[in-house]
Amino acid sequence: MTDLVLRDIDPMMAERIRRVSEANGWTMHQTILHLIERGLYASEGGALRFDSKESDVLQSVIAALETVPNDPGFSLIGRVAGASTAPEAPSSPTEFDPNELERFLQNVPVGSKLGSHE
């Protein structure tokens, strides 16, 4: 195995590495190897890849969030900053339609669960 020497490590980074080590019960050696491996994986593009099932589920979730009505409590869910749509008249926070949640849930697409690999 090759030994590597790291010089001039920022104290804040060294502290973060120490906290990861303690949180996981790893030695510093194990922690640094793990962090390098994860960093390489992310840098090589493996961190954000989804298989087709996961991608479909993610698209369904995004579509469901886009149907959330504009209201004072959750007005930014499913909205893009700077959208040119006219704002809806805000309703009073006390005016809650008890059927609103049920209507929303009926519009959520049914599919495989995120993370399940059948």
N, C-alpha and C. Protein backbone atom coordinates (compact mmCIF):
# COMPACT_ATOMS: atom_id res chain seq x y z
N MET A 1 0.84 -1.18 0.00
CA MET A 1 0.00 0.00 0.00
C MET A 1 0.88 1.24 0.00
N THR A 2 0.38 2.28 -0.62
CA THR A 2 1.10 3.54 -0.69
C THR A 2 0.72 4.41 0.50
N ASP A 3 1.71 5.03 1.12
CA ASP A 3 1.45 5.98 2.19
C ASP A 3 1.37 7.37 1.59
N LEU A 4 0.42 8.15 2.07
CA LEU A 4 0.28 9.53 1.63
C LEU A 4 0.46 10.44 2.83
N VAL A 5 1.09 11.58 2.61
CA VAL A 5 1.27 12.57 3.66
C VAL A 5 0.54 13.83 3.23
N LEU A 6 -0.34 14.31 4.08
CA LEU A 6 -1.07 15.54 3.80
C LEU A 6 -0.47 16.67 4.63
N ARG A 7 -0.10 17.74 3.97
CA ARG A 7 0.49 18.88 4.66
C ARG A 7 -0.46 20.07 4.60
N ASP A 8 -0.29 20.97 5.57
CA ASP A 8 -1.01 22.24 5.59
C ASP A 8 -2.53 22.06 5.51
N ILE A 9 -3.07 21.14 6.28
CA ILE A 9 -4.52 20.94 6.33
C ILE A 9 -5.13 22.08 7.13
N ASP A 10 -6.17 22.68 6.57
CA ASP A 10 -6.89 23.75 7.25
C ASP A 10 -7.41 23.22 8.59
N PRO A 11 -7.22 23.97 9.69
CA PRO A 11 -7.69 23.50 11.00
C PRO A 11 -9.19 23.20 11.04
N MET A 12 -9.99 23.97 10.30
CA MET A 12 -11.43 23.71 10.28
C MET A 12 -11.71 22.36 9.62
N MET A 13 -10.98 22.04 8.55
CA MET A 13 -11.17 20.76 7.88
C MET A 13 -10.72 19.62 8.79
N ALA A 14 -9.60 19.80 9.48
CA ALA A 14 -9.12 18.77 10.40
C ALA A 14 -10.15 18.51 11.50
N GLU A 15 -10.79 19.57 11.98
CA GLU A 15 -11.82 19.42 13.01
C GLU A 15 -13.03 18.68 12.46
N ARG A 16 -13.43 18.98 11.25
CA ARG A 16 -14.55 18.28 10.63
C ARG A 16 -14.24 16.79 10.46
N ILE A 17 -13.02 16.48 10.06
CA ILE A 17 -12.61 15.08 9.91
C ILE A 17 -12.65 14.39 11.27
N ARG A 18 -12.17 15.08 12.31
CA ARG A 18 -12.18 14.51 13.66
C ARG A 18 -13.61 14.22 14.11
N ARG A 19 -14.54 15.14 13.83
CA ARG A 19 -15.94 14.94 14.22
C ARG A 19 -16.56 13.74 13.50
N VAL A 20 -16.24 13.58 12.21
CA VAL A 20 -16.75 12.41 11.46
C VAL A 20 -16.18 11.14 12.07
N SER A 21 -14.92 11.17 12.42
CA SER A 21 -14.26 10.02 13.02
C SER A 21 -14.93 9.62 14.33
N GLU A 22 -15.16 10.60 15.19
CA GLU A 22 -15.78 10.32 16.49
C GLU A 22 -17.23 9.87 16.33
N ALA A 23 -17.97 10.50 15.43
CA ALA A 23 -19.38 10.17 15.24
C ALA A 23 -19.56 8.73 14.76
N ASN A 24 -18.60 8.23 14.01
CA ASN A 24 -18.72 6.88 13.46
C ASN A 24 -17.90 5.83 14.21
N GLY A 25 -17.13 6.27 15.18
CA GLY A 25 -16.30 5.33 15.93
C GLY A 25 -15.15 4.76 15.11
N TRP A 26 -14.67 5.55 14.14
CA TRP A 26 -13.59 5.12 13.28
C TRP A 26 -12.27 5.73 13.74
N THR A 27 -11.18 5.09 13.36
CA THR A 27 -9.87 5.71 13.57
C THR A 27 -9.72 6.83 12.54
N MET A 28 -8.76 7.71 12.75
CA MET A 28 -8.53 8.78 11.78
C MET A 28 -8.15 8.18 10.42
N HIS A 29 -7.38 7.11 10.44
CA HIS A 29 -6.98 6.45 9.20
C HIS A 29 -8.21 5.96 8.44
N GLN A 30 -9.09 5.24 9.14
CA GLN A 30 -10.31 4.74 8.51
C GLN A 30 -11.18 5.88 7.99
N THR A 31 -11.27 6.94 8.77
CA THR A 31 -12.11 8.08 8.39
C THR A 31 -11.59 8.74 7.12
N ILE A 32 -10.29 8.99 7.07
CA ILE A 32 -9.72 9.66 5.90
C ILE A 32 -9.85 8.78 4.66
N LEU A 33 -9.63 7.48 4.79
CA LEU A 33 -9.81 6.58 3.64
C LEU A 33 -11.27 6.60 3.16
N HIS A 34 -12.19 6.57 4.09
CA HIS A 34 -13.62 6.60 3.74
C HIS A 34 -13.96 7.91 3.03
N LEU A 35 -13.50 9.04 3.58
CA LEU A 35 -13.81 10.33 2.98
C LEU A 35 -13.19 10.48 1.59
N ILE A 36 -11.98 10.00 1.41
CA ILE A 36 -11.35 10.05 0.09
C ILE A 36 -12.14 9.20 -0.90
N GLU A 37 -12.54 8.00 -0.47
CA GLU A 37 -13.30 7.12 -1.35
C GLU A 37 -14.63 7.77 -1.74
N ARG A 38 -15.36 8.34 -0.77
CA ARG A 38 -16.64 9.00 -1.06
C ARG A 38 -16.44 10.20 -1.97
N GLY A 39 -15.37 10.97 -1.73
CA GLY A 39 -15.09 12.12 -2.56
C GLY A 39 -14.77 11.73 -3.99
N LEU A 40 -14.01 10.66 -4.16
CA LEU A 40 -13.70 10.18 -5.50
C LEU A 40 -14.96 9.69 -6.21
N TYR A 41 -15.79 8.98 -5.49
CA TYR A 41 -17.04 8.48 -6.05
C TYR A 41 -17.90 9.64 -6.54
N ALA A 42 -18.04 10.67 -5.70
CA ALA A 42 -18.84 11.84 -6.08
C ALA A 42 -18.22 12.57 -7.25
N SER A 43 -16.90 12.70 -7.26
CA SER A 43 -16.20 13.40 -8.33
C SER A 43 -16.28 12.67 -9.66
N GLU A 44 -16.39 11.36 -9.60
CA GLU A 44 -16.49 10.57 -10.83
C GLU A 44 -17.92 10.48 -11.33
N GLY A 45 -18.84 11.15 -10.67
CA GLY A 45 -20.22 11.20 -11.13
C GLY A 45 -21.12 10.12 -10.58
N GLY A 46 -20.67 9.32 -9.65
CA GLY A 46 -21.50 8.24 -9.12
C GLY A 46 -22.47 8.67 -8.05
N ALA A 47 -22.31 9.85 -7.51
CA ALA A 47 -23.13 10.25 -6.38
C ALA A 47 -24.55 10.64 -6.77
N LEU A 48 -24.77 11.09 -7.99
CA LEU A 48 -26.08 11.61 -8.35
C LEU A 48 -26.74 10.84 -9.49
N ARG A 49 -26.40 9.61 -9.64
CA ARG A 49 -27.01 8.81 -10.70
C ARG A 49 -28.19 8.03 -10.13
N PHE A 50 -29.28 8.02 -10.89
CA PHE A 50 -30.47 7.28 -10.49
C PHE A 50 -30.75 6.22 -11.55
N ASP A 51 -31.27 5.07 -11.09
CA ASP A 51 -31.71 4.11 -12.09
C ASP A 51 -33.08 4.56 -12.61
N SER A 52 -33.62 3.88 -13.59
CA SER A 52 -34.86 4.35 -14.23
C SER A 52 -36.04 4.39 -13.26
N LYS A 53 -36.12 3.42 -12.34
CA LYS A 53 -37.22 3.43 -11.37
C LYS A 53 -37.11 4.63 -10.45
N GLU A 54 -35.91 4.91 -9.95
CA GLU A 54 -35.72 6.05 -9.06
C GLU A 54 -36.00 7.35 -9.78
N SER A 55 -35.59 7.43 -11.03
CA SER A 55 -35.83 8.63 -11.82
C SER A 55 -37.32 8.86 -12.02
N ASP A 56 -38.06 7.79 -12.31
CA ASP A 56 -39.51 7.89 -12.49
C ASP A 56 -40.19 8.36 -11.21
N VAL A 57 -39.77 7.81 -10.08
CA VAL A 57 -40.35 8.20 -8.80
C VAL A 57 -40.04 9.66 -8.50
N LEU A 58 -38.80 10.07 -8.74
CA LEU A 58 -38.42 11.46 -8.52
C LEU A 58 -39.26 12.39 -9.38
N GLN A 59 -39.48 12.05 -10.64
CA GLN A 59 -40.32 12.87 -11.52
C GLN A 59 -41.75 12.93 -11.00
N SER A 60 -42.27 11.82 -10.46
CA SER A 60 -43.62 11.81 -9.90
C SER A 60 -43.72 12.72 -8.69
N VAL A 61 -42.70 12.70 -7.85
CA VAL A 61 -42.69 13.55 -6.66
C VAL A 61 -42.65 15.02 -7.07
N ILE A 62 -41.82 15.34 -8.03
CA ILE A 62 -41.74 16.73 -8.50
C ILE A 62 -43.08 17.17 -9.07
N ALA A 63 -43.71 16.31 -9.87
CA ALA A 63 -45.02 16.64 -10.44
C ALA A 63 -46.05 16.86 -9.35
N ALA A 64 -46.02 16.04 -8.30
CA ALA A 64 -46.97 16.20 -7.20
C ALA A 64 -46.73 17.51 -6.47
N LEU A 65 -45.47 17.86 -6.24
CA LEU A 65 -45.17 19.11 -5.55
C LEU A 65 -45.60 20.32 -6.36
N GLU A 66 -45.57 20.19 -7.68
CA GLU A 66 -45.98 21.30 -8.53
C GLU A 66 -47.47 21.57 -8.45
N THR A 67 -48.26 20.61 -7.92
CA THR A 67 -49.70 20.81 -7.80
C THR A 67 -50.09 21.44 -6.48
N VAL A 68 -49.14 21.66 -5.59
CA VAL A 68 -49.46 22.25 -4.29
C VAL A 68 -49.96 23.68 -4.52
N PRO A 69 -51.14 24.01 -4.00
CA PRO A 69 -51.67 25.36 -4.21
C PRO A 69 -50.83 26.42 -3.50
N ASN A 70 -50.87 27.62 -4.05
CA ASN A 70 -50.16 28.75 -3.47
C ASN A 70 -50.93 29.24 -2.26
N ASP A 71 -50.38 29.08 -1.09
CA ASP A 71 -51.04 29.54 0.13
C ASP A 71 -49.99 30.11 1.07
N PRO A 72 -50.40 30.84 2.12
CA PRO A 72 -49.43 31.50 2.99
C PRO A 72 -48.48 30.55 3.71
N GLY A 73 -48.91 29.33 3.99
CA GLY A 73 -48.08 28.41 4.75
C GLY A 73 -47.02 27.71 3.92
N PHE A 74 -47.35 27.36 2.68
CA PHE A 74 -46.43 26.58 1.87
C PHE A 74 -46.31 27.17 0.46
N SER A 75 -46.24 28.47 0.38
CA SER A 75 -46.35 29.13 -0.92
C SER A 75 -45.18 28.87 -1.85
N LEU A 76 -44.05 28.42 -1.35
CA LEU A 76 -42.91 28.22 -2.23
C LEU A 76 -42.74 26.78 -2.71
N ILE A 77 -43.54 25.85 -2.17
CA ILE A 77 -43.42 24.45 -2.57
C ILE A 77 -43.84 24.31 -4.03
N GLY A 78 -42.99 23.74 -4.84
CA GLY A 78 -43.33 23.50 -6.23
C GLY A 78 -43.26 24.73 -7.10
N ARG A 79 -42.75 25.83 -6.57
CA ARG A 79 -42.69 27.07 -7.33
C ARG A 79 -41.25 27.38 -7.71
N VAL A 80 -41.08 27.99 -8.86
CA VAL A 80 -39.78 28.41 -9.33
C VAL A 80 -39.63 29.89 -9.02
N ALA A 81 -38.50 30.27 -8.44
CA ALA A 81 -38.27 31.68 -8.12
C ALA A 81 -38.36 32.52 -9.39
N GLY A 82 -39.04 33.65 -9.28
CA GLY A 82 -39.15 34.55 -10.41
C GLY A 82 -40.17 34.14 -11.44
N ALA A 83 -41.05 33.19 -11.11
CA ALA A 83 -42.08 32.77 -12.06
C ALA A 83 -42.99 33.95 -12.35
N SER A 84 -43.46 34.06 -13.59
CA SER A 84 -44.23 35.23 -14.00
C SER A 84 -45.72 35.06 -13.83
N THR A 85 -46.18 34.07 -13.08
CA THR A 85 -47.61 33.89 -12.87
C THR A 85 -48.11 34.91 -11.87
N ALA A 86 -49.34 35.34 -12.07
CA ALA A 86 -49.93 36.32 -11.16
C ALA A 86 -50.17 35.65 -9.82
N PRO A 87 -49.84 36.34 -8.72
CA PRO A 87 -50.04 35.73 -7.40
C PRO A 87 -51.51 35.56 -7.08
N GLU A 88 -51.82 34.46 -6.45
CA GLU A 88 -53.19 34.22 -6.01
C GLU A 88 -53.46 35.04 -4.77
N ALA A 89 -54.71 35.36 -4.56
CA ALA A 89 -55.08 36.11 -3.35
C ALA A 89 -54.83 35.21 -2.16
N PRO A 90 -54.05 35.68 -1.18
CA PRO A 90 -53.76 34.82 -0.03
C PRO A 90 -55.01 34.59 0.81
N SER A 91 -55.16 33.38 1.27
CA SER A 91 -56.27 33.07 2.16
C SER A 91 -55.79 33.20 3.59
N SER A 92 -56.70 33.36 4.48
CA SER A 92 -56.36 33.47 5.89
C SER A 92 -55.83 32.14 6.37
N PRO A 93 -54.76 32.13 7.21
CA PRO A 93 -54.22 30.86 7.70
C PRO A 93 -55.25 30.03 8.46
N THR A 94 -56.31 30.67 8.96
CA THR A 94 -57.32 29.92 9.71
C THR A 94 -58.34 29.27 8.79
N GLU A 95 -58.36 29.64 7.50
CA GLU A 95 -59.31 29.06 6.56
C GLU A 95 -58.71 27.81 5.94
N PHE A 96 -58.81 26.69 6.63
CA PHE A 96 -58.26 25.43 6.12
C PHE A 96 -59.40 24.55 5.68
N ASP A 97 -59.33 24.12 4.45
CA ASP A 97 -60.33 23.21 3.91
C ASP A 97 -59.90 21.80 4.29
N PRO A 98 -60.64 21.12 5.15
CA PRO A 98 -60.21 19.78 5.59
C PRO A 98 -60.12 18.77 4.45
N ASN A 99 -60.76 19.04 3.34
CA ASN A 99 -60.71 18.11 2.20
C ASN A 99 -59.52 18.38 1.29
N GLU A 100 -58.80 19.48 1.54
CA GLU A 100 -57.67 19.86 0.67
C GLU A 100 -56.58 18.79 0.67
N LEU A 101 -56.23 18.27 1.84
CA LEU A 101 -55.19 17.25 1.92
C LEU A 101 -55.62 15.99 1.16
N GLU A 102 -56.87 15.59 1.33
CA GLU A 102 -57.36 14.41 0.63
C GLU A 102 -57.31 14.60 -0.89
N ARG A 103 -57.71 15.79 -1.37
CA ARG A 103 -57.65 16.06 -2.82
C ARG A 103 -56.20 16.01 -3.31
N PHE A 104 -55.30 16.55 -2.52
CA PHE A 104 -53.89 16.53 -2.91
C PHE A 104 -53.38 15.10 -2.99
N LEU A 105 -53.67 14.29 -1.97
CA LEU A 105 -53.19 12.91 -1.94
C LEU A 105 -53.76 12.08 -3.10
N GLN A 106 -54.96 12.40 -3.54
CA GLN A 106 -55.55 11.68 -4.67
C GLN A 106 -54.81 11.98 -5.97
N ASN A 107 -54.12 13.13 -6.04
CA ASN A 107 -53.40 13.51 -7.25
C ASN A 107 -51.95 13.03 -7.27
N VAL A 108 -51.49 12.44 -6.17
CA VAL A 108 -50.12 11.95 -6.12
C VAL A 108 -50.04 10.64 -6.89
N PRO A 109 -49.14 10.58 -7.89
CA PRO A 109 -49.03 9.34 -8.68
C PRO A 109 -48.55 8.18 -7.80
N VAL A 110 -49.09 7.02 -8.06
CA VAL A 110 -48.72 5.82 -7.33
C VAL A 110 -47.67 5.09 -8.14
N GLY A 111 -46.59 4.71 -7.46
CA GLY A 111 -45.52 4.00 -8.15
C GLY A 111 -44.68 3.24 -7.17
N SER A 112 -43.53 2.78 -7.64
CA SER A 112 -42.64 2.06 -6.75
C SER A 112 -42.03 3.02 -5.77
N LYS A 113 -41.65 2.51 -4.63
CA LYS A 113 -41.05 3.33 -3.57
C LYS A 113 -39.62 3.69 -3.93
N LEU A 114 -39.21 4.90 -3.59
CA LEU A 114 -37.85 5.36 -3.84
C LEU A 114 -36.89 4.47 -3.06
N GLY A 115 -35.90 3.99 -3.73
CA GLY A 115 -34.89 3.17 -3.07
C GLY A 115 -35.16 1.69 -3.13
N SER A 116 -36.38 1.28 -3.54
CA SER A 116 -36.62 -0.15 -3.63
C SER A 116 -36.10 -0.66 -4.96
N HIS A 117 -35.39 -1.72 -4.90
CA HIS A 117 -34.77 -2.31 -6.10
C HIS A 117 -35.31 -3.71 -6.27
N GLU A 118 -36.40 -3.81 -6.98
CA GLU A 118 -37.02 -5.13 -7.16
C GLU A 118 -36.50 -5.81 -8.38
